[in-house]
Protein backbone atom coordinates (compact mmCIF):
# COMPACT_ATOMS: atom_id res chain seq x y z
CA UNK A 1 165.23 115.65 -9.75
CA UNK A 2 163.97 115.47 -6.46
CA UNK A 3 162.01 118.80 -6.05
CA UNK A 4 162.35 120.30 -2.20
CA UNK A 5 159.70 123.32 -2.99
CA UNK A 6 157.84 125.46 -0.48
CA UNK A 7 153.94 124.34 -0.28
CA UNK A 8 151.25 127.39 -0.50
CA UNK A 9 151.58 127.62 3.66
CA UNK A 10 154.59 128.52 3.44
CA UNK A 11 156.01 124.90 4.32
CA UNK A 12 158.79 123.39 3.01
CA UNK A 13 158.13 119.68 1.16
CA UNK A 14 160.75 117.15 2.33
CA UNK A 15 162.89 115.62 0.58
CA UNK A 16 160.22 112.44 -0.75
CA UNK A 17 158.59 114.56 -3.55
CA UNK A 18 159.33 114.15 -7.46
CA UNK A 19 157.41 116.08 -10.30
CA UNK A 20 156.29 112.89 -12.73
CA UNK A 21 158.53 113.64 -15.75
CA UNK A 22 161.51 113.22 -12.96
CA UNK A 23 159.97 109.93 -11.81
CA UNK A 24 159.01 108.52 -15.05
CA UNK A 25 162.83 109.59 -16.26
CA UNK A 26 164.27 107.91 -12.96
CA UNK A 27 162.12 105.65 -11.71
CA UNK A 28 164.09 102.61 -10.36
CA UNK A 29 165.72 105.85 -8.30
CA UNK A 30 162.60 106.28 -6.43
CA UNK A 31 161.62 102.92 -6.38
CA UNK A 32 165.18 102.99 -4.94
CA UNK A 33 164.08 105.16 -1.69
CA UNK A 34 160.63 104.03 -1.27
CA UNK A 35 162.32 100.87 -0.27
CA UNK A 36 165.33 102.44 1.78
CA UNK A 37 163.89 105.66 2.97
CA UNK A 38 159.08 104.81 2.32
CA UNK A 39 156.84 106.23 0.51
CA UNK A 40 158.16 108.69 -2.51
CA UNK A 41 155.03 111.62 -3.33
CA UNK A 42 155.16 112.26 -7.29
CA UNK A 43 152.92 115.56 -8.37
CA UNK A 44 151.36 115.91 -10.95
CA UNK A 45 151.30 120.03 -12.43
CA UNK A 46 152.56 120.35 -8.59
CA UNK A 47 149.32 118.67 -7.12
CA UNK A 48 150.65 115.01 -5.20
CA UNK A 49 149.10 112.27 -7.20
CA UNK A 50 150.13 108.52 -6.08
CA UNK A 51 152.98 107.69 -3.93
CA UNK A 52 155.41 105.43 -4.45
CA UNK A 53 155.53 102.66 -1.28
CA UNK A 54 157.24 98.61 -0.49
CA UNK A 55 154.65 96.05 -1.34
CA UNK A 56 154.94 94.65 1.91
CA UNK A 57 153.25 98.35 3.63
CA UNK A 58 151.02 97.64 1.12
CA UNK A 59 149.73 94.68 1.52
CA UNK A 60 150.00 95.19 4.78
CA UNK A 61 147.89 98.25 4.67
CA UNK A 62 145.88 96.95 2.28
CA UNK A 63 144.82 93.61 4.04
CA UNK A 64 141.81 93.58 6.68
CA UNK A 65 142.24 94.42 10.34
CA UNK A 66 141.14 91.28 12.54
CA UNK A 67 140.90 90.75 16.38
CA UNK A 68 144.08 88.99 16.54
CA UNK A 69 145.86 92.46 14.75
CA UNK A 70 143.95 94.81 17.63
CA UNK A 71 145.42 91.70 20.52
CA UNK A 72 148.81 92.74 18.85
CA UNK A 73 148.80 95.93 19.17
CA UNK A 74 147.81 95.91 22.65
CA UNK A 75 150.40 93.18 23.23
CA UNK A 76 153.33 95.80 21.97
CA UNK A 77 151.56 98.72 23.90
CA UNK A 78 153.25 100.46 26.75
CA UNK A 79 149.92 99.92 28.44
CA UNK A 80 150.98 96.19 28.24
CA UNK A 81 151.62 95.30 31.72
CA UNK A 82 148.17 96.78 32.94
CA UNK A 83 146.38 94.39 34.70
CA UNK A 84 142.26 94.94 33.90
CA UNK A 85 140.26 94.01 36.91
CA UNK A 86 137.20 92.76 36.11
CA UNK A 87 134.93 93.97 38.59
CA UNK A 88 130.97 92.04 39.17
CA UNK A 89 127.99 94.40 40.00
CA UNK A 90 125.46 92.25 41.56
CA UNK A 91 122.41 93.32 41.90
CA UNK A 92 118.94 92.32 42.49
CA UNK A 93 116.41 91.05 39.69
CA UNK A 94 112.91 91.94 39.56
CA UNK A 95 110.49 90.61 37.34
CA UNK A 96 108.52 92.00 35.26
CA UNK A 97 105.67 91.21 33.52
CA UNK A 98 105.64 91.74 29.17
C-alpha cells in the first residue's frame, strides 16, 4: 500500500512512497508506477531506503557528462539566442628577463 504520511517536519510525503513490505508484495505495481509516474521511494523503518527508477533514467544518470552534453544543454536553454561577442583586448607586451 502506498503511504502518504507526515514527515517529522510536518510536510506530507507524496504518493510515490512505499513501505518495504508493501513494495515487496506489489512489486509489479511499483515498477509500473516508476515507468509511468516517475521515481518511487521505498522506505525501511520509516526512512528512505531506495528509489525505483526507469532503466533509461538510471542509464542517463550513470553516463559521464561530456562536452556534447553541455553544448546540448546550452542549445536548449532559453538563452540559446543570445549572441556572446568575443572581446579582444590588445595591450603592449613587455620583455622580461628571466
